[in-house]
Amino acid sequence: MTKIKMNWGKGLALFMGCFLVFIITLGVYMFNQTSDEYDHQYYEKGLAFDSVYNQRRQVVVDNVQPKVTVEQTNLHVDFVAPANGNVRFERLADPSLNKVLTFTSTGQNTVDIPLSDFKRGRWDLSFQWVNKGKKYLYQKQIRVQ
């Protein structure tokens, strides 16, 4: 039998070569991944934080949380008082499906929104409305069946 002689230099060079191939492979893998989605309006939202906070707080102070129920094909919203504004539907899994709808409550202070155009799954809702000069913001998560 013949022994393979290996000194420190050859072993170190072999280790460095394998490590270099590993690092290059990770770099190629990283650059081939899709870019992380980030909020492009991050700074604008930060500047408007006080306004949004005050609108959310006003809902609690005035005790005007709407009652949101998901029925078979409709989203039924009961407001405490007449309201007109908009509701933003946000889908975290696919932001291209986000929608903003305007509403005006009926004589019963209710709003019915058909859900036939919405995909099944979780949706984040943001209701913004005005009543007697006060602005309100209420957020809720729903699941569309």
N, C-alpha and C. Protein backbone atom coordinates (compact mmCIF):
# COMPACT_ATOMS: atom_id res chain seq x y z
N MET A 1 0.81 -1.17 0.00
CA MET A 1 0.00 0.00 0.00
C MET A 1 0.86 1.24 0.00
N THR A 2 0.34 2.19 -0.74
CA THR A 2 1.06 3.45 -0.77
C THR A 2 0.29 4.47 0.05
N LYS A 3 1.02 5.22 0.76
CA LYS A 3 0.41 6.27 1.57
C LYS A 3 0.42 7.57 0.78
N ILE A 4 -0.70 8.25 0.92
CA ILE A 4 -0.78 9.56 0.29
C ILE A 4 -0.29 10.57 1.32
N LYS A 5 0.72 11.27 0.90
CA LYS A 5 1.27 12.27 1.79
C LYS A 5 0.57 13.60 1.50
N MET A 6 0.15 14.20 2.56
CA MET A 6 -0.50 15.50 2.42
C MET A 6 0.06 16.39 3.51
N ASN A 7 0.50 17.54 3.12
CA ASN A 7 1.00 18.47 4.12
C ASN A 7 -0.05 19.54 4.39
N TRP A 8 0.25 20.40 5.32
CA TRP A 8 -0.70 21.44 5.73
C TRP A 8 -1.06 22.37 4.58
N GLY A 9 -0.18 22.67 3.75
CA GLY A 9 -0.43 23.62 2.65
C GLY A 9 -1.47 23.10 1.68
N LYS A 10 -1.34 21.82 1.31
CA LYS A 10 -2.31 21.24 0.37
C LYS A 10 -3.70 21.15 1.03
N GLY A 11 -3.77 20.75 2.27
CA GLY A 11 -5.05 20.64 2.98
C GLY A 11 -5.72 22.01 3.12
N LEU A 12 -4.91 23.00 3.44
CA LEU A 12 -5.44 24.35 3.60
C LEU A 12 -5.94 24.90 2.26
N ALA A 13 -5.20 24.64 1.19
CA ALA A 13 -5.61 25.10 -0.14
C ALA A 13 -6.90 24.39 -0.57
N LEU A 14 -7.01 23.11 -0.28
CA LEU A 14 -8.21 22.35 -0.62
C LEU A 14 -9.42 22.89 0.17
N PHE A 15 -9.23 23.15 1.45
CA PHE A 15 -10.30 23.71 2.28
C PHE A 15 -10.72 25.08 1.77
N MET A 16 -9.77 25.94 1.46
CA MET A 16 -10.09 27.28 0.97
C MET A 16 -10.82 27.21 -0.38
N GLY A 17 -10.43 26.29 -1.23
CA GLY A 17 -11.12 26.13 -2.52
C GLY A 17 -12.56 25.69 -2.33
N CYS A 18 -12.78 24.71 -1.45
CA CYS A 18 -14.16 24.26 -1.18
C CYS A 18 -14.99 25.39 -0.56
N PHE A 19 -14.40 26.14 0.35
CA PHE A 19 -15.11 27.25 0.99
C PHE A 19 -15.45 28.32 -0.05
N LEU A 20 -14.54 28.60 -0.96
CA LEU A 20 -14.78 29.59 -2.01
C LEU A 20 -15.93 29.15 -2.92
N VAL A 21 -15.96 27.89 -3.29
CA VAL A 21 -17.06 27.37 -4.12
C VAL A 21 -18.38 27.49 -3.36
N PHE A 22 -18.37 27.19 -2.05
CA PHE A 22 -19.56 27.30 -1.22
C PHE A 22 -20.07 28.74 -1.18
N ILE A 23 -19.19 29.70 -0.98
CA ILE A 23 -19.58 31.12 -0.92
C ILE A 23 -20.12 31.59 -2.26
N ILE A 24 -19.49 31.21 -3.35
CA ILE A 24 -19.96 31.61 -4.68
C ILE A 24 -21.34 31.01 -4.96
N THR A 25 -21.54 29.76 -4.56
CA THR A 25 -22.85 29.12 -4.74
C THR A 25 -23.93 29.85 -3.97
N LEU A 26 -23.65 30.23 -2.72
CA LEU A 26 -24.62 30.98 -1.94
C LEU A 26 -24.92 32.35 -2.56
N GLY A 27 -23.89 33.00 -3.09
CA GLY A 27 -24.08 34.30 -3.73
C GLY A 27 -24.98 34.19 -4.96
N VAL A 28 -24.74 33.19 -5.78
CA VAL A 28 -25.57 32.99 -6.98
C VAL A 28 -27.00 32.67 -6.56
N TYR A 29 -27.16 31.83 -5.55
CA TYR A 29 -28.50 31.48 -5.05
C TYR A 29 -29.23 32.72 -4.54
N MET A 30 -28.53 33.57 -3.80
CA MET A 30 -29.14 34.76 -3.22
C MET A 30 -29.61 35.73 -4.32
N PHE A 31 -28.81 35.93 -5.35
CA PHE A 31 -29.18 36.87 -6.39
C PHE A 31 -30.27 36.34 -7.32
N ASN A 32 -30.51 35.04 -7.31
CA ASN A 32 -31.57 34.47 -8.13
C ASN A 32 -32.92 34.44 -7.41
N GLN A 33 -32.96 34.78 -6.12
CA GLN A 33 -34.21 34.82 -5.37
C GLN A 33 -34.98 36.09 -5.72
N THR A 34 -36.32 36.03 -5.57
CA THR A 34 -37.12 37.23 -5.82
C THR A 34 -36.82 38.24 -4.72
N SER A 35 -36.93 39.48 -5.06
CA SER A 35 -36.62 40.53 -4.10
C SER A 35 -37.69 40.59 -3.01
N ASP A 36 -37.29 40.96 -1.82
CA ASP A 36 -38.24 41.11 -0.73
C ASP A 36 -39.14 42.29 -1.01
N GLU A 37 -40.41 42.10 -0.73
CA GLU A 37 -41.35 43.21 -0.88
C GLU A 37 -41.24 44.08 0.36
N TYR A 38 -41.19 45.35 0.15
CA TYR A 38 -41.15 46.29 1.26
C TYR A 38 -42.16 47.38 0.97
N ASP A 39 -42.52 48.07 1.98
CA ASP A 39 -43.52 49.12 1.87
C ASP A 39 -42.88 50.37 1.28
N HIS A 40 -43.28 50.75 0.08
CA HIS A 40 -42.70 51.90 -0.58
C HIS A 40 -43.12 53.22 0.06
N GLN A 41 -44.23 53.21 0.79
CA GLN A 41 -44.71 54.41 1.46
C GLN A 41 -44.35 54.39 2.95
N TYR A 42 -43.27 53.75 3.30
CA TYR A 42 -42.88 53.60 4.70
C TYR A 42 -42.74 54.96 5.40
N TYR A 43 -42.03 55.88 4.80
CA TYR A 43 -41.77 57.17 5.43
C TYR A 43 -43.03 58.04 5.47
N GLU A 44 -43.84 57.99 4.39
CA GLU A 44 -45.07 58.76 4.37
C GLU A 44 -46.03 58.27 5.46
N LYS A 45 -46.10 56.94 5.64
CA LYS A 45 -46.95 56.39 6.68
C LYS A 45 -46.44 56.78 8.06
N GLY A 46 -45.14 56.87 8.21
CA GLY A 46 -44.57 57.30 9.48
C GLY A 46 -44.93 58.73 9.81
N LEU A 47 -44.93 59.59 8.80
CA LEU A 47 -45.29 60.99 9.02
C LEU A 47 -46.78 61.14 9.33
N ALA A 48 -47.61 60.25 8.78
CA ALA A 48 -49.06 60.34 8.99
C ALA A 48 -49.51 59.48 10.17
N PHE A 49 -48.60 58.95 10.94
CA PHE A 49 -48.95 58.04 12.03
C PHE A 49 -49.89 58.67 13.05
N ASP A 50 -49.63 59.91 13.44
CA ASP A 50 -50.46 60.58 14.44
C ASP A 50 -51.91 60.69 13.97
N SER A 51 -52.10 61.03 12.72
CA SER A 51 -53.46 61.15 12.17
C SER A 51 -54.18 59.81 12.20
N VAL A 52 -53.50 58.76 11.78
CA VAL A 52 -54.09 57.42 11.77
C VAL A 52 -54.37 56.96 13.19
N TYR A 53 -53.45 57.21 14.10
CA TYR A 53 -53.65 56.82 15.50
C TYR A 53 -54.87 57.53 16.10
N ASN A 54 -55.00 58.81 15.83
CA ASN A 54 -56.13 59.58 16.36
C ASN A 54 -57.47 59.08 15.80
N GLN A 55 -57.48 58.69 14.52
CA GLN A 55 -58.71 58.16 13.92
C GLN A 55 -59.08 56.82 14.54
N ARG A 56 -58.10 55.95 14.79
CA ARG A 56 -58.36 54.65 15.43
C ARG A 56 -58.81 54.86 16.88
N ARG A 57 -58.19 55.79 17.55
CA ARG A 57 -58.55 56.07 18.95
C ARG A 57 -59.95 56.66 19.06
N GLN A 58 -60.33 57.47 18.06
CA GLN A 58 -61.65 58.10 18.07
C GLN A 58 -62.76 57.05 18.02
N VAL A 59 -62.52 55.93 17.34
CA VAL A 59 -63.50 54.84 17.29
C VAL A 59 -63.76 54.31 18.68
N VAL A 60 -62.71 54.15 19.47
CA VAL A 60 -62.84 53.61 20.83
C VAL A 60 -63.46 54.65 21.76
N VAL A 61 -63.02 55.89 21.64
CA VAL A 61 -63.53 56.96 22.53
C VAL A 61 -65.03 57.15 22.32
N ASP A 62 -65.48 57.18 21.07
CA ASP A 62 -66.90 57.40 20.78
C ASP A 62 -67.71 56.10 20.80
N ASN A 63 -67.05 54.98 20.99
CA ASN A 63 -67.71 53.66 21.05
C ASN A 63 -68.56 53.41 19.81
N VAL A 64 -67.93 53.53 18.63
CA VAL A 64 -68.64 53.36 17.37
C VAL A 64 -68.05 52.23 16.53
N GLN A 65 -67.55 51.18 17.18
CA GLN A 65 -67.00 50.05 16.44
C GLN A 65 -68.11 49.40 15.62
N PRO A 66 -67.92 49.29 14.31
CA PRO A 66 -68.95 48.62 13.50
C PRO A 66 -68.92 47.12 13.74
N LYS A 67 -70.07 46.50 13.57
CA LYS A 67 -70.17 45.04 13.70
C LYS A 67 -70.03 44.46 12.30
N VAL A 68 -68.98 43.68 12.08
CA VAL A 68 -68.67 43.12 10.77
C VAL A 68 -68.96 41.62 10.80
N THR A 69 -69.83 41.17 9.90
CA THR A 69 -70.12 39.74 9.80
C THR A 69 -69.98 39.30 8.35
N VAL A 70 -69.41 38.12 8.18
CA VAL A 70 -69.25 37.55 6.85
C VAL A 70 -70.35 36.52 6.67
N GLU A 71 -71.20 36.76 5.68
CA GLU A 71 -72.25 35.82 5.35
C GLU A 71 -71.80 35.02 4.14
N GLN A 72 -72.68 34.23 3.55
CA GLN A 72 -72.29 33.36 2.44
C GLN A 72 -71.63 34.14 1.29
N THR A 73 -72.32 35.15 0.79
CA THR A 73 -71.81 35.88 -0.37
C THR A 73 -71.67 37.37 -0.12
N ASN A 74 -71.90 37.81 1.12
CA ASN A 74 -71.86 39.24 1.43
C ASN A 74 -71.06 39.51 2.69
N LEU A 75 -70.55 40.73 2.74
CA LEU A 75 -69.96 41.26 3.96
C LEU A 75 -70.98 42.26 4.50
N HIS A 76 -71.48 41.98 5.69
CA HIS A 76 -72.52 42.82 6.29
C HIS A 76 -71.89 43.65 7.41
N VAL A 77 -72.03 44.98 7.33
CA VAL A 77 -71.43 45.88 8.31
C VAL A 77 -72.53 46.73 8.92
N ASP A 78 -72.65 46.67 10.24
CA ASP A 78 -73.61 47.49 10.99
C ASP A 78 -72.86 48.62 11.68
N PHE A 79 -73.17 49.85 11.30
CA PHE A 79 -72.58 51.02 11.94
C PHE A 79 -73.51 51.52 13.04
N VAL A 80 -72.96 52.22 14.02
CA VAL A 80 -73.74 52.78 15.11
C VAL A 80 -74.54 53.99 14.62
N ALA A 81 -73.96 54.75 13.72
CA ALA A 81 -74.60 55.96 13.19
C ALA A 81 -74.38 55.99 11.68
N PRO A 82 -75.07 56.87 10.96
CA PRO A 82 -74.85 56.96 9.51
C PRO A 82 -73.38 57.21 9.19
N ALA A 83 -72.90 56.53 8.15
CA ALA A 83 -71.49 56.65 7.80
C ALA A 83 -71.33 56.62 6.29
N ASN A 84 -70.38 57.39 5.80
CA ASN A 84 -69.98 57.28 4.41
C ASN A 84 -68.47 57.42 4.35
N GLY A 85 -67.85 56.55 3.58
CA GLY A 85 -66.40 56.53 3.50
C GLY A 85 -65.93 55.45 2.55
N ASN A 86 -64.83 54.81 2.91
CA ASN A 86 -64.32 53.74 2.06
C ASN A 86 -63.78 52.59 2.91
N VAL A 87 -63.70 51.45 2.28
CA VAL A 87 -63.13 50.26 2.92
C VAL A 87 -62.03 49.73 2.01
N ARG A 88 -60.89 49.46 2.60
CA ARG A 88 -59.75 48.94 1.85
C ARG A 88 -59.62 47.46 2.16
N PHE A 89 -59.67 46.62 1.13
CA PHE A 89 -59.46 45.19 1.24
C PHE A 89 -58.00 44.91 0.87
N GLU A 90 -57.25 44.35 1.80
CA GLU A 90 -55.84 44.04 1.55
C GLU A 90 -55.62 42.54 1.69
N ARG A 91 -54.96 41.98 0.73
CA ARG A 91 -54.63 40.56 0.75
C ARG A 91 -53.11 40.46 0.83
N LEU A 92 -52.61 40.02 1.97
CA LEU A 92 -51.16 39.96 2.18
C LEU A 92 -50.51 38.94 1.26
N ALA A 93 -51.22 37.87 0.93
CA ALA A 93 -50.65 36.82 0.08
C ALA A 93 -50.46 37.30 -1.36
N ASP A 94 -51.30 38.24 -1.81
CA ASP A 94 -51.22 38.72 -3.19
C ASP A 94 -51.67 40.19 -3.23
N PRO A 95 -50.73 41.13 -3.06
CA PRO A 95 -51.11 42.55 -3.02
C PRO A 95 -51.77 43.07 -4.30
N SER A 96 -51.64 42.35 -5.41
CA SER A 96 -52.28 42.82 -6.65
C SER A 96 -53.80 42.71 -6.57
N LEU A 97 -54.33 41.98 -5.58
CA LEU A 97 -55.77 41.83 -5.40
C LEU A 97 -56.38 42.90 -4.50
N ASN A 98 -55.56 43.79 -3.94
CA ASN A 98 -56.06 44.83 -3.04
C ASN A 98 -57.09 45.71 -3.75
N LYS A 99 -58.14 46.08 -3.01
CA LYS A 99 -59.21 46.92 -3.58
C LYS A 99 -59.63 47.97 -2.56
N VAL A 100 -60.11 49.10 -3.07
CA VAL A 100 -60.71 50.13 -2.23
C VAL A 100 -62.11 50.38 -2.77
N LEU A 101 -63.11 50.23 -1.89
CA LEU A 101 -64.51 50.44 -2.26
C LEU A 101 -65.09 51.56 -1.41
N THR A 102 -65.92 52.41 -2.02
CA THR A 102 -66.60 53.45 -1.26
C THR A 102 -67.97 52.92 -0.82
N PHE A 103 -68.46 53.46 0.28
CA PHE A 103 -69.76 53.03 0.78
C PHE A 103 -70.50 54.20 1.40
N THR A 104 -71.81 54.08 1.45
CA THR A 104 -72.69 54.97 2.18
C THR A 104 -73.71 54.08 2.87
N SER A 105 -73.85 54.24 4.17
CA SER A 105 -74.77 53.37 4.91
C SER A 105 -76.21 53.70 4.56
N THR A 106 -77.05 52.68 4.63
CA THR A 106 -78.47 52.86 4.32
C THR A 106 -79.18 53.44 5.54
N GLY A 107 -80.51 53.55 5.46
CA GLY A 107 -81.29 54.09 6.57
C GLY A 107 -81.13 53.29 7.85
N GLN A 108 -80.78 52.03 7.75
CA GLN A 108 -80.57 51.18 8.93
C GLN A 108 -79.13 51.25 9.43
N ASN A 109 -78.32 52.15 8.86
CA ASN A 109 -76.88 52.27 9.18
C ASN A 109 -76.12 50.99 8.85
N THR A 110 -76.50 50.34 7.76
CA THR A 110 -75.84 49.10 7.35
C THR A 110 -75.23 49.25 5.97
N VAL A 111 -74.25 48.42 5.70
CA VAL A 111 -73.60 48.36 4.39
C VAL A 111 -73.45 46.88 4.05
N ASP A 112 -73.86 46.49 2.84
CA ASP A 112 -73.65 45.14 2.35
C ASP A 112 -72.72 45.19 1.15
N ILE A 113 -71.65 44.43 1.23
CA ILE A 113 -70.65 44.39 0.16
C ILE A 113 -70.60 42.97 -0.38
N PRO A 114 -70.87 42.78 -1.68
CA PRO A 114 -70.82 41.42 -2.24
C PRO A 114 -69.37 40.91 -2.27
N LEU A 115 -69.20 39.66 -1.89
CA LEU A 115 -67.86 39.06 -1.83
C LEU A 115 -67.59 38.09 -2.98
N SER A 116 -68.44 38.10 -3.99
CA SER A 116 -68.28 37.14 -5.09
C SER A 116 -66.99 37.37 -5.88
N ASP A 117 -66.47 38.60 -5.90
CA ASP A 117 -65.26 38.91 -6.67
C ASP A 117 -63.97 38.69 -5.87
N PHE A 118 -64.09 38.27 -4.62
CA PHE A 118 -62.92 38.13 -3.76
C PHE A 118 -62.51 36.67 -3.64
N LYS A 119 -61.20 36.45 -3.67
CA LYS A 119 -60.68 35.10 -3.50
C LYS A 119 -60.88 34.63 -2.06
N ARG A 120 -60.92 33.33 -1.91
CA ARG A 120 -61.05 32.74 -0.57
C ARG A 120 -59.77 32.99 0.21
N GLY A 121 -59.94 33.12 1.52
CA GLY A 121 -58.77 33.29 2.38
C GLY A 121 -58.89 34.51 3.26
N ARG A 122 -57.76 34.88 3.85
CA ARG A 122 -57.73 35.98 4.81
C ARG A 122 -57.61 37.32 4.11
N TRP A 123 -58.38 38.28 4.59
CA TRP A 123 -58.34 39.65 4.09
C TRP A 123 -58.26 40.60 5.28
N ASP A 124 -57.48 41.65 5.14
CA ASP A 124 -57.42 42.71 6.15
C ASP A 124 -58.28 43.87 5.65
N LEU A 125 -59.21 44.30 6.48
CA LEU A 125 -60.10 45.40 6.11
C LEU A 125 -59.75 46.64 6.90
N SER A 126 -59.80 47.79 6.25
CA SER A 126 -59.61 49.08 6.90
C SER A 126 -60.78 49.97 6.51
N PHE A 127 -61.66 50.23 7.46
CA PHE A 127 -62.80 51.11 7.24
C PHE A 127 -62.42 52.52 7.64
N GLN A 128 -62.60 53.48 6.74
CA GLN A 128 -62.42 54.89 7.04
C GLN A 128 -63.72 55.59 6.71
N TRP A 129 -64.28 56.30 7.70
CA TRP A 129 -65.53 56.99 7.46
C TRP A 129 -65.58 58.27 8.26
N VAL A 130 -66.56 59.10 7.89
CA VAL A 130 -66.76 60.39 8.55
C VAL A 130 -68.19 60.43 9.06
N ASN A 131 -68.35 60.91 10.28
CA ASN A 131 -69.68 61.10 10.85
C ASN A 131 -69.63 62.34 11.74
N LYS A 132 -70.49 63.30 11.44
CA LYS A 132 -70.57 64.56 12.19
C LYS A 132 -69.22 65.27 12.28
N GLY A 133 -68.49 65.26 11.18
CA GLY A 133 -67.21 65.95 11.12
C GLY A 133 -66.04 65.20 11.76
N LYS A 134 -66.28 64.05 12.35
CA LYS A 134 -65.20 63.26 12.96
C LYS A 134 -64.78 62.15 12.02
N LYS A 135 -63.47 61.94 11.94
CA LYS A 135 -62.93 60.89 11.09
C LYS A 135 -62.65 59.65 11.94
N TYR A 136 -63.00 58.50 11.39
CA TYR A 136 -62.81 57.23 12.09
C TYR A 136 -62.04 56.25 11.21
N LEU A 137 -61.31 55.37 11.87
CA LEU A 137 -60.59 54.28 11.19
C LEU A 137 -60.74 53.03 12.04
N TYR A 138 -61.24 51.97 11.41
CA TYR A 138 -61.44 50.69 12.10
C TYR A 138 -60.85 49.59 11.24
N GLN A 139 -60.04 48.72 11.85
CA GLN A 139 -59.40 47.64 11.11
C GLN A 139 -59.89 46.30 11.62
N LYS A 140 -60.06 45.36 10.70
CA LYS A 140 -60.59 44.04 11.05
C LYS A 140 -60.04 43.02 10.05
N GLN A 141 -59.83 41.81 10.52
CA GLN A 141 -59.44 40.71 9.64
C GLN A 141 -60.64 39.81 9.45
N ILE A 142 -60.86 39.39 8.21
CA ILE A 142 -61.95 38.45 7.92
C ILE A 142 -61.41 37.28 7.10
N ARG A 143 -62.20 36.26 7.01
CA ARG A 143 -61.87 35.10 6.21
C ARG A 143 -63.02 34.87 5.24
N VAL A 144 -62.73 34.95 3.94
CA VAL A 144 -63.75 34.73 2.91
C VAL A 144 -63.77 33.25 2.57
N GLN A 145 -64.95 32.66 2.67
CA GLN A 145 -65.12 31.23 2.37
C GLN A 145 -65.48 31.11 0.93
